[in-house]
């Protein structure tokens, strides 16, 4: 009788142990170690003080991630960001989101320092005015890849020099099978800025295009820009020194940044850049 009871008890303990182990494994799969995300904001022309909070809350609600902010309230085109002069500013982070507007920061060594983490393997995500930052050459003319004039453009994968008026943009997904966009749909923004494409590098992969009807405009110098229909790549990926980079030029106004469709896009792009776009990291 004792042997029978002992075997029965042993089987029960083993079963309980296996169930407990399976439960822990399932919990570990559902709640992986959160990604450490560094969000950089500040500079000219945008409401970064509010948008940084929208992005942090939106990303953390959609992915297992913790977003840490580096922000300056300086609203000039050359904001004094704390990352300048520190090539190790992203140490300990899994990915960096560049959402700064530093159009007048053209110091080559400073830009190289901003790029250092990405050259060394840390993925990057770039939003809106990040595409018009760190322009070390003539940004209105196509820069030669691999030169000091193209430092930031090499990283982004697309060179942009400006944008049109604030009008709605129709966004069309052109790569419907890509992991980032395969569950997303075409949509139209409120008034936004359509950034142009001076050139698209071979390393870039356009995922979505934006179409905008631009009304006739009278410029400050008296000249008139005729009405036209414009289009440009607005969402893309890039391979930079074997590092994944995701970018979108959409995101001027708070209302756009807070749009669930925008936050879904940015979160999926971020996870893709970290090679974590899967059910474990998506909430």
C-alpha atoms as a PDB file:
ATOM      1  CA  UNK A   1       0.000   0.000   0.000  1.00  0.00           C
ATOM      2  CA  UNK A   2       2.836   2.441   0.905  1.00  0.00           C
ATOM      3  CA  UNK A   3       4.600   1.781  -2.387  1.00  0.00           C
ATOM      4  CA  UNK A   4       1.367   2.421  -4.297  1.00  0.00           C
ATOM      5  CA  UNK A   5       0.732   5.659  -2.445  1.00  0.00           C
ATOM      6  CA  UNK A   6       4.327   6.746  -2.932  1.00  0.00           C
ATOM      7  CA  UNK A   7       4.178   6.116  -6.672  1.00  0.00           C
ATOM      8  CA  UNK A   8       0.856   7.928  -6.911  1.00  0.00           C
ATOM      9  CA  UNK A   9       2.248  10.877  -4.984  1.00  0.00           C
ATOM     10  CA  UNK A  10       5.373  10.906  -7.124  1.00  0.00           C
ATOM     11  CA  UNK A  11       3.338  10.933 -10.332  1.00  0.00           C
ATOM     12  CA  UNK A  12       1.223  13.779  -8.994  1.00  0.00           C
ATOM     13  CA  UNK A  13       4.304  15.800  -8.065  1.00  0.00           C
ATOM     14  CA  UNK A  14       5.868  15.197 -11.465  1.00  0.00           C
ATOM     15  CA  UNK A  15       2.670  16.217 -13.239  1.00  0.00           C
ATOM     16  CA  UNK A  16       2.385  19.354 -11.103  1.00  0.00           C
ATOM     17  CA  UNK A  17       6.013  20.188 -11.767  1.00  0.00           C
ATOM     18  CA  UNK A  18       5.569  19.785 -15.525  1.00  0.00           C
ATOM     19  CA  UNK A  19       2.428  21.918 -15.465  1.00  0.00           C
ATOM     20  CA  UNK A  20       4.192  24.605 -13.447  1.00  0.00           C
ATOM     21  CA  UNK A  21       7.140  24.556 -15.855  1.00  0.00           C
ATOM     22  CA  UNK A  22       4.836  24.791 -18.849  1.00  0.00           C
ATOM     23  CA  UNK A  23       3.016  27.720 -17.241  1.00  0.00           C
ATOM     24  CA  UNK A  24       6.290  29.552 -16.624  1.00  0.00           C
ATOM     25  CA  UNK A  25       7.367  28.915 -20.218  1.00  0.00           C
ATOM     26  CA  UNK A  26       4.072  30.235 -21.545  1.00  0.00           C
ATOM     27  CA  UNK A  27       4.337  33.324 -19.338  1.00  0.00           C
ATOM     28  CA  UNK A  28       7.905  33.916 -20.491  1.00  0.00           C
ATOM     29  CA  UNK A  29       6.761  33.699 -24.123  1.00  0.00           C
ATOM     30  CA  UNK A  30       3.908  36.140 -23.527  1.00  0.00           C
ATOM     31  CA  UNK A  31       5.996  38.606 -21.543  1.00  0.00           C
ATOM     32  CA  UNK A  32       9.559  38.696 -22.898  1.00  0.00           C
ATOM     33  CA  UNK A  33      12.205  41.015 -21.598  1.00  0.00           C
ATOM     34  CA  UNK A  34      11.093  44.496 -22.701  1.00  0.00           C
ATOM     35  CA  UNK A  35      13.074  46.212 -25.408  1.00  0.00           C
ATOM     36  CA  UNK A  36      14.948  49.294 -24.262  1.00  0.00           C
ATOM     37  CA  UNK A  37      14.019  52.165 -26.570  1.00  0.00           C
ATOM     38  CA  UNK A  38      15.725  55.573 -26.620  1.00  0.00           C
ATOM     39  CA  UNK A  39      13.492  58.347 -27.976  1.00  0.00           C
ATOM     40  CA  UNK A  40      15.208  61.597 -28.985  1.00  0.00           C
ATOM     41  CA  UNK A  41      13.029  64.687 -29.440  1.00  0.00           C
ATOM     42  CA  UNK A  42      13.387  68.436 -29.715  1.00  0.00           C
ATOM     43  CA  UNK A  43      14.167  71.203 -32.142  1.00  0.00           C
ATOM     44  CA  UNK A  44      12.353  73.285 -34.678  1.00  0.00           C
ATOM     45  CA  UNK A  45       8.823  73.467 -35.906  1.00  0.00           C
ATOM     46  CA  UNK A  46       6.992  70.680 -34.075  1.00  0.00           C
ATOM     47  CA  UNK A  47       5.153  70.065 -30.785  1.00  0.00           C
ATOM     48  CA  UNK A  48       7.741  67.666 -29.398  1.00  0.00           C
ATOM     49  CA  UNK A  49       6.776  68.333 -25.786  1.00  0.00           C
ATOM     50  CA  UNK A  50       3.445  66.611 -26.383  1.00  0.00           C
ATOM     51  CA  UNK A  51       4.435  64.202 -29.147  1.00  0.00           C
ATOM     52  CA  UNK A  52       7.115  62.517 -27.064  1.00  0.00           C
ATOM     53  CA  UNK A  53       4.460  61.471 -24.556  1.00  0.00           C
ATOM     54  CA  UNK A  54       2.110  60.269 -27.295  1.00  0.00           C
ATOM     55  CA  UNK A  55       4.851  58.115 -28.802  1.00  0.00           C
ATOM     56  CA  UNK A  56       5.993  56.676 -25.483  1.00  0.00           C
ATOM     57  CA  UNK A  57       2.472  55.753 -24.401  1.00  0.00           C
ATOM     58  CA  UNK A  58       1.516  54.426 -27.834  1.00  0.00           C
ATOM     59  CA  UNK A  59       4.570  52.214 -28.277  1.00  0.00           C
ATOM     60  CA  UNK A  60       4.492  50.837 -24.742  1.00  0.00           C
ATOM     61  CA  UNK A  61       0.784  49.992 -25.169  1.00  0.00           C
ATOM     62  CA  UNK A  62       1.519  48.007 -28.330  1.00  0.00           C
ATOM     63  CA  UNK A  63       4.838  46.305 -27.639  1.00  0.00           C
ATOM     64  CA  UNK A  64       6.859  44.909 -24.777  1.00  0.00           C
ATOM     65  CA  UNK A  65       9.133  47.926 -24.623  1.00  0.00           C
ATOM     66  CA  UNK A  66      10.255  50.643 -22.245  1.00  0.00           C
ATOM     67  CA  UNK A  67      10.760  54.047 -23.861  1.00  0.00           C
ATOM     68  CA  UNK A  68      13.301  56.425 -22.318  1.00  0.00           C
ATOM     69  CA  UNK A  69      13.286  60.020 -23.504  1.00  0.00           C
ATOM     70  CA  UNK A  70      16.095  62.446 -24.291  1.00  0.00           C
ATOM     71  CA  UNK A  71      14.399  65.777 -24.909  1.00  0.00           C
ATOM     72  CA  UNK A  72      15.145  69.463 -25.206  1.00  0.00           C
ATOM     73  CA  UNK A  73      12.577  72.245 -25.259  1.00  0.00           C
ATOM     74  CA  UNK A  74      14.880  74.255 -27.500  1.00  0.00           C
ATOM     75  CA  UNK A  75      12.894  75.013 -30.681  1.00  0.00           C
ATOM     76  CA  UNK A  76      15.704  76.169 -32.956  1.00  0.00           C
ATOM     77  CA  UNK A  77      17.046  74.338 -36.006  1.00  0.00           C
ATOM     78  CA  UNK A  78      20.181  73.437 -34.040  1.00  0.00           C
ATOM     79  CA  UNK A  79      18.904  72.225 -30.658  1.00  0.00           C
ATOM     80  CA  UNK A  80      21.538  71.393 -28.003  1.00  0.00           C
ATOM     81  CA  UNK A  81      20.731  67.687 -27.721  1.00  0.00           C
ATOM     82  CA  UNK A  82      22.463  65.819 -24.907  1.00  0.00           C
ATOM     83  CA  UNK A  83      23.603  63.087 -27.326  1.00  0.00           C
ATOM     84  CA  UNK A  84      26.008  65.413 -29.145  1.00  0.00           C
ATOM     85  CA  UNK A  85      29.646  64.633 -28.492  1.00  0.00           C
ATOM     86  CA  UNK A  86      28.882  61.224 -26.982  1.00  0.00           C
ATOM     87  CA  UNK A  87      29.216  58.392 -29.538  1.00  0.00           C
ATOM     88  CA  UNK A  88      28.152  55.951 -26.789  1.00  0.00           C
ATOM     89  CA  UNK A  89      24.854  57.723 -26.078  1.00  0.00           C
ATOM     90  CA  UNK A  90      22.847  54.623 -27.044  1.00  0.00           C
ATOM     91  CA  UNK A  91      24.821  52.140 -24.949  1.00  0.00           C
ATOM     92  CA  UNK A  92      22.459  49.698 -23.251  1.00  0.00           C
ATOM     93  CA  UNK A  93      19.555  50.392 -25.609  1.00  0.00           C
ATOM     94  CA  UNK A  94      18.108  48.049 -28.214  1.00  0.00           C
ATOM     95  CA  UNK A  95      16.964  50.740 -30.648  1.00  0.00           C
ATOM     96  CA  UNK A  96      17.010  54.527 -31.077  1.00  0.00           C
ATOM     97  CA  UNK A  97      14.093  56.607 -32.352  1.00  0.00           C
ATOM     98  CA  UNK A  98      15.225  59.871 -33.964  1.00  0.00           C
ATOM     99  CA  UNK A  99      12.342  62.344 -33.825  1.00  0.00           C
ATOM    100  CA  UNK A 100      14.428  65.501 -33.591  1.00  0.00           C
ATOM    101  CA  UNK A 101      14.457  68.446 -35.996  1.00  0.00           C
ATOM    102  CA  UNK A 102      18.056  69.609 -36.301  1.00  0.00           C
ATOM    103  CA  UNK A 103      18.143  71.031 -39.812  1.00  0.00           C
ATOM    104  CA  UNK A 104      21.060  73.375 -39.082  1.00  0.00           C
ATOM    105  CA  UNK A 105      23.306  70.822 -37.360  1.00  0.00           C
ATOM    106  CA  UNK A 106      25.914  70.366 -40.082  1.00  0.00           C
ATOM    107  CA  UNK A 107      29.087  69.639 -38.102  1.00  0.00           C
ATOM    108  CA  UNK A 108      30.539  66.493 -39.651  1.00  0.00           C
ATOM    109  CA  UNK A 109      32.127  65.106 -36.484  1.00  0.00           C
ATOM    110  CA  UNK A 110      28.930  65.662 -34.477  1.00  0.00           C
ATOM    111  CA  UNK A 111      26.866  63.863 -37.120  1.00  0.00           C
ATOM    112  CA  UNK A 112      29.344  60.993 -37.169  1.00  0.00           C
ATOM    113  CA  UNK A 113      28.875  60.731 -33.410  1.00  0.00           C
ATOM    114  CA  UNK A 114      25.084  60.602 -33.805  1.00  0.00           C
ATOM    115  CA  UNK A 115      25.532  57.821 -36.359  1.00  0.00           C
ATOM    116  CA  UNK A 116      28.097  55.867 -34.318  1.00  0.00           C
ATOM    117  CA  UNK A 117      25.617  53.568 -32.506  1.00  0.00           C
ATOM    118  CA  UNK A 118      23.937  52.678 -35.803  1.00  0.00           C
ATOM    119  CA  UNK A 119      27.248  51.953 -37.510  1.00  0.00           C
ATOM    120  CA  UNK A 120      27.951  49.631 -34.581  1.00  0.00           C
ATOM    121  CA  UNK A 121      24.738  47.634 -34.863  1.00  0.00           C
ATOM    122  CA  UNK A 122      21.991  49.469 -32.942  1.00  0.00           C
ATOM    123  CA  UNK A 123      18.851  49.749 -35.106  1.00  0.00           C
ATOM    124  CA  UNK A 124      17.311  53.103 -35.883  1.00  0.00           C
ATOM    125  CA  UNK A 125      13.799  54.488 -36.353  1.00  0.00           C
ATOM    126  CA  UNK A 126      13.386  57.918 -37.938  1.00  0.00           C
ATOM    127  CA  UNK A 127      10.245  60.039 -37.870  1.00  0.00           C
ATOM    128  CA  UNK A 128       9.247  63.050 -39.944  1.00  0.00           C
ATOM    129  CA  UNK A 129      11.747  65.898 -39.495  1.00  0.00           C
ATOM    130  CA  UNK A 130      14.578  63.502 -38.685  1.00  0.00           C
ATOM    131  CA  UNK A 131      14.788  63.237 -42.482  1.00  0.00           C
ATOM    132  CA  UNK A 132      15.616  66.953 -42.690  1.00  0.00           C
ATOM    133  CA  UNK A 133      18.244  66.886 -39.942  1.00  0.00           C
ATOM    134  CA  UNK A 134      22.044  66.584 -39.986  1.00  0.00           C
ATOM    135  CA  UNK A 135      22.458  67.858 -43.539  1.00  0.00           C
ATOM    136  CA  UNK A 136      26.216  68.172 -44.006  1.00  0.00           C
ATOM    137  CA  UNK A 137      26.122  68.976 -47.731  1.00  0.00           C
ATOM    138  CA  UNK A 138      23.874  70.603 -50.287  1.00  0.00           C
ATOM    139  CA  UNK A 139      20.670  68.749 -49.466  1.00  0.00           C
ATOM    140  CA  UNK A 140      18.865  70.079 -52.547  1.00  0.00           C
ATOM    141  CA  UNK A 141      21.156  68.218 -54.931  1.00  0.00           C
ATOM    142  CA  UNK A 142      21.683  64.465 -54.998  1.00  0.00           C
ATOM    143  CA  UNK A 143      24.624  63.609 -52.740  1.00  0.00           C
ATOM    144  CA  UNK A 144      27.177  60.958 -53.626  1.00  0.00           C
ATOM    145  CA  UNK A 145      26.736  57.942 -51.376  1.00  0.00           C
ATOM    146  CA  UNK A 146      29.615  57.246 -49.021  1.00  0.00           C
ATOM    147  CA  UNK A 147      30.815  60.855 -48.843  1.00  0.00           C
ATOM    148  CA  UNK A 148      30.697  63.375 -46.007  1.00  0.00           C
ATOM    149  CA  UNK A 149      27.899  65.162 -47.877  1.00  0.00           C
ATOM    150  CA  UNK A 150      25.764  62.044 -47.611  1.00  0.00           C
ATOM    151  CA  UNK A 151      26.433  60.840 -44.053  1.00  0.00           C
ATOM    152  CA  UNK A 152      22.861  61.050 -42.795  1.00  0.00           C
ATOM    153  CA  UNK A 153      21.289  60.161 -46.142  1.00  0.00           C
ATOM    154  CA  UNK A 154      23.330  56.944 -46.305  1.00  0.00           C
ATOM    155  CA  UNK A 155      21.833  55.993 -42.957  1.00  0.00           C
ATOM    156  CA  UNK A 156      18.267  56.930 -43.917  1.00  0.00           C
ATOM    157  CA  UNK A 157      18.331  55.410 -47.399  1.00  0.00           C
ATOM    158  CA  UNK A 158      16.390  58.341 -48.904  1.00  0.00           C
ATOM    159  CA  UNK A 159      17.426  61.957 -49.375  1.00  0.00           C
ATOM    160  CA  UNK A 160      14.738  64.625 -48.957  1.00  0.00           C
ATOM    161  CA  UNK A 161      15.151  68.373 -49.317  1.00  0.00           C
ATOM    162  CA  UNK A 162      11.751  69.804 -48.458  1.00  0.00           C
ATOM    163  CA  UNK A 163       7.995  69.408 -48.361  1.00  0.00           C
ATOM    164  CA  UNK A 164       4.837  70.771 -49.912  1.00  0.00           C
ATOM    165  CA  UNK A 165       1.879  72.522 -48.280  1.00  0.00           C
ATOM    166  CA  UNK A 166      -0.096  71.166 -45.372  1.00  0.00           C
ATOM    167  CA  UNK A 167      -2.756  69.139 -47.166  1.00  0.00           C
ATOM    168  CA  UNK A 168      -4.141  65.608 -46.633  1.00  0.00           C
ATOM    169  CA  UNK A 169      -1.962  62.739 -47.834  1.00  0.00           C
ATOM    170  CA  UNK A 170      -3.375  59.513 -49.247  1.00  0.00           C
ATOM    171  CA  UNK A 171      -1.075  56.688 -48.124  1.00  0.00           C
ATOM    172  CA  UNK A 172      -0.908  53.587 -50.306  1.00  0.00           C
ATOM    173  CA  UNK A 173       0.843  50.426 -49.109  1.00  0.00           C
ATOM    174  CA  UNK A 174       2.950  49.243 -52.050  1.00  0.00           C
ATOM    175  CA  UNK A 175       4.631  46.281 -50.319  1.00  0.00           C
ATOM    176  CA  UNK A 176       1.616  44.454 -48.940  1.00  0.00           C
ATOM    177  CA  UNK A 177       3.538  41.294 -47.995  1.00  0.00           C
ATOM    178  CA  UNK A 178       6.311  42.957 -46.003  1.00  0.00           C
ATOM    179  CA  UNK A 179       6.223  42.015 -42.292  1.00  0.00           C
ATOM    180  CA  UNK A 180       5.718  45.650 -41.261  1.00  0.00           C
ATOM    181  CA  UNK A 181       2.841  46.475 -43.592  1.00  0.00           C
ATOM    182  CA  UNK A 182       1.139  43.123 -44.238  1.00  0.00           C
ATOM    183  CA  UNK A 183      -1.591  43.780 -41.624  1.00  0.00           C
ATOM    184  CA  UNK A 184      -1.921  47.501 -42.365  1.00  0.00           C
ATOM    185  CA  UNK A 185      -4.309  49.219 -44.770  1.00  0.00           C
ATOM    186  CA  UNK A 186      -4.229  52.281 -46.990  1.00  0.00           C
ATOM    187  CA  UNK A 187      -5.391  55.425 -45.212  1.00  0.00           C
ATOM    188  CA  UNK A 188      -5.622  59.179 -45.542  1.00  0.00           C
ATOM    189  CA  UNK A 189      -4.138  61.674 -43.115  1.00  0.00           C
ATOM    190  CA  UNK A 190      -5.413  65.037 -41.997  1.00  0.00           C
ATOM    191  CA  UNK A 191      -3.391  68.006 -43.256  1.00  0.00           C
ATOM    192  CA  UNK A 192       0.223  66.810 -43.342  1.00  0.00           C
ATOM    193  CA  UNK A 193       3.515  67.567 -45.069  1.00  0.00           C
ATOM    194  CA  UNK A 194       4.555  65.406 -48.020  1.00  0.00           C
ATOM    195  CA  UNK A 195       8.357  65.197 -47.993  1.00  0.00           C
ATOM    196  CA  UNK A 196       9.940  64.934 -51.434  1.00  0.00           C
ATOM    197  CA  UNK A 197      12.423  62.280 -52.590  1.00  0.00           C
ATOM    198  CA  UNK A 198      15.576  63.830 -54.033  1.00  0.00           C
ATOM    199  CA  UNK A 199      16.952  60.327 -54.417  1.00  0.00           C
ATOM    200  CA  UNK A 200      16.269  56.804 -53.207  1.00  0.00           C
ATOM    201  CA  UNK A 201      19.353  54.711 -52.478  1.00  0.00           C
ATOM    202  CA  UNK A 202      19.685  51.103 -53.640  1.00  0.00           C
ATOM    203  CA  UNK A 203      19.732  49.917 -50.028  1.00  0.00           C
ATOM    204  CA  UNK A 204      16.257  51.368 -49.370  1.00  0.00           C
ATOM    205  CA  UNK A 205      12.997  49.443 -49.715  1.00  0.00           C
ATOM    206  CA  UNK A 206       9.902  51.610 -50.161  1.00  0.00           C
ATOM    207  CA  UNK A 207       6.853  50.223 -48.347  1.00  0.00           C
ATOM    208  CA  UNK A 208       4.272  52.984 -48.855  1.00  0.00           C
ATOM    209  CA  UNK A 209       3.757  56.010 -51.075  1.00  0.00           C
ATOM    210  CA  UNK A 210       2.000  59.254 -50.299  1.00  0.00           C
ATOM    211  CA  UNK A 211      -0.142  61.183 -52.768  1.00  0.00           C
ATOM    212  CA  UNK A 212      -1.099  64.808 -52.223  1.00  0.00           C
ATOM    213  CA  UNK A 213      -3.035  67.356 -54.280  1.00  0.00           C
ATOM    214  CA  UNK A 214      -1.176  70.602 -53.820  1.00  0.00           C
ATOM    215  CA  UNK A 215      -3.178  73.749 -54.486  1.00  0.00           C
ATOM    216  CA  UNK A 216      -1.762  76.806 -56.196  1.00  0.00           C
ATOM    217  CA  UNK A 217       0.396  78.751 -53.754  1.00  0.00           C
ATOM    218  CA  UNK A 218       1.750  82.294 -53.740  1.00  0.00           C
ATOM    219  CA  UNK A 219       5.222  82.314 -52.227  1.00  0.00           C
ATOM    220  CA  UNK A 220       6.767  85.051 -50.088  1.00  0.00           C
ATOM    221  CA  UNK A 221       8.922  86.187 -53.010  1.00  0.00           C
ATOM    222  CA  UNK A 222       5.810  86.777 -55.095  1.00  0.00           C
ATOM    223  CA  UNK A 223       6.207  83.735 -57.300  1.00  0.00           C
ATOM    224  CA  UNK A 224       3.297  81.363 -57.760  1.00  0.00           C
ATOM    225  CA  UNK A 225       3.552  77.600 -57.511  1.00  0.00           C
ATOM    226  CA  UNK A 226       0.915  76.029 -59.768  1.00  0.00           C
ATOM    227  CA  UNK A 227      -1.463  73.361 -58.525  1.00  0.00           C
ATOM    228  CA  UNK A 228      -0.106  69.848 -58.927  1.00  0.00           C
ATOM    229  CA  UNK A 229      -0.481  66.252 -57.824  1.00  0.00           C
ATOM    230  CA  UNK A 230       2.644  65.124 -55.994  1.00  0.00           C
ATOM    231  CA  UNK A 231       3.796  61.702 -54.805  1.00  0.00           C
ATOM    232  CA  UNK A 232       6.730  60.370 -52.807  1.00  0.00           C
ATOM    233  CA  UNK A 233       7.806  57.333 -50.805  1.00  0.00           C
ATOM    234  CA  UNK A 234       6.699  58.012 -47.223  1.00  0.00           C
ATOM    235  CA  UNK A 235       7.486  54.695 -45.481  1.00  0.00           C
ATOM    236  CA  UNK A 236      10.597  52.602 -46.081  1.00  0.00           C
ATOM    237  CA  UNK A 237      13.342  50.441 -44.633  1.00  0.00           C
ATOM    238  CA  UNK A 238      17.083  50.629 -45.148  1.00  0.00           C
ATOM    239  CA  UNK A 239      20.124  48.447 -44.561  1.00  0.00           C
ATOM    240  CA  UNK A 240      22.949  50.470 -43.033  1.00  0.00           C
ATOM    241  CA  UNK A 241      26.212  48.661 -42.257  1.00  0.00           C
ATOM    242  CA  UNK A 242      24.171  45.458 -41.660  1.00  0.00           C
ATOM    243  CA  UNK A 243      21.886  47.412 -39.319  1.00  0.00           C
ATOM    244  CA  UNK A 244      18.142  47.662 -39.857  1.00  0.00           C
ATOM    245  CA  UNK A 245      16.656  51.134 -40.188  1.00  0.00           C
ATOM    246  CA  UNK A 246      12.961  52.081 -40.445  1.00  0.00           C
ATOM    247  CA  UNK A 247      11.677  55.526 -41.445  1.00  0.00           C
ATOM    248  CA  UNK A 248       8.493  57.442 -42.187  1.00  0.00           C
ATOM    249  CA  UNK A 249       8.150  61.072 -43.171  1.00  0.00           C
ATOM    250  CA  UNK A 250       4.580  61.187 -41.829  1.00  0.00           C
ATOM    251  CA  UNK A 251       3.993  62.753 -38.396  1.00  0.00           C
ATOM    252  CA  UNK A 252       3.834  66.545 -38.346  1.00  0.00           C
ATOM    253  CA  UNK A 253       0.803  67.155 -36.120  1.00  0.00           C
ATOM    254  CA  UNK A 254      -0.163  65.671 -32.763  1.00  0.00           C
ATOM    255  CA  UNK A 255      -3.405  64.348 -34.265  1.00  0.00           C
ATOM    256  CA  UNK A 256      -1.473  62.284 -36.798  1.00  0.00           C
ATOM    257  CA  UNK A 257       1.031  61.012 -34.241  1.00  0.00           C
ATOM    258  CA  UNK A 258      -1.856  59.968 -31.961  1.00  0.00           C
ATOM    259  CA  UNK A 259      -3.689  58.157 -34.793  1.00  0.00           C
ATOM    260  CA  UNK A 260      -3.837  54.420 -34.043  1.00  0.00           C
ATOM    261  CA  UNK A 261      -2.826  53.669 -37.634  1.00  0.00           C
ATOM    262  CA  UNK A 262       0.309  55.765 -37.258  1.00  0.00           C
ATOM    263  CA  UNK A 263       1.259  54.255 -33.908  1.00  0.00           C
ATOM    264  CA  UNK A 264       0.687  50.748 -35.274  1.00  0.00           C
ATOM    265  CA  UNK A 265       2.993  51.540 -38.188  1.00  0.00           C
ATOM    266  CA  UNK A 266       5.756  53.009 -36.023  1.00  0.00           C
ATOM    267  CA  UNK A 267       5.581  50.172 -33.494  1.00  0.00           C
ATOM    268  CA  UNK A 268       5.755  47.491 -36.174  1.00  0.00           C
ATOM    269  CA  UNK A 269       8.655  49.297 -37.840  1.00  0.00           C
ATOM    270  CA  UNK A 270      10.478  49.521 -34.524  1.00  0.00           C
ATOM    271  CA  UNK A 271      10.003  45.814 -33.771  1.00  0.00           C
ATOM    272  CA  UNK A 272      11.074  44.882 -37.291  1.00  0.00           C
ATOM    273  CA  UNK A 273      14.273  46.897 -36.924  1.00  0.00           C
ATOM    274  CA  UNK A 274      15.070  44.894 -33.764  1.00  0.00           C
ATOM    275  CA  UNK A 275      14.097  41.576 -35.423  1.00  0.00           C
ATOM    276  CA  UNK A 276      11.340  41.230 -32.813  1.00  0.00           C
ATOM    277  CA  UNK A 277       8.221  41.653 -34.958  1.00  0.00           C
ATOM    278  CA  UNK A 278       6.419  38.600 -33.591  1.00  0.00           C
ATOM    279  CA  UNK A 279       3.583  37.617 -31.258  1.00  0.00           C
ATOM    280  CA  UNK A 280       5.930  37.527 -28.259  1.00  0.00           C
ATOM    281  CA  UNK A 281       6.699  41.230 -28.485  1.00  0.00           C
ATOM    282  CA  UNK A 282       3.389  42.504 -29.834  1.00  0.00           C
ATOM    283  CA  UNK A 283       0.794  43.124 -27.146  1.00  0.00           C
END
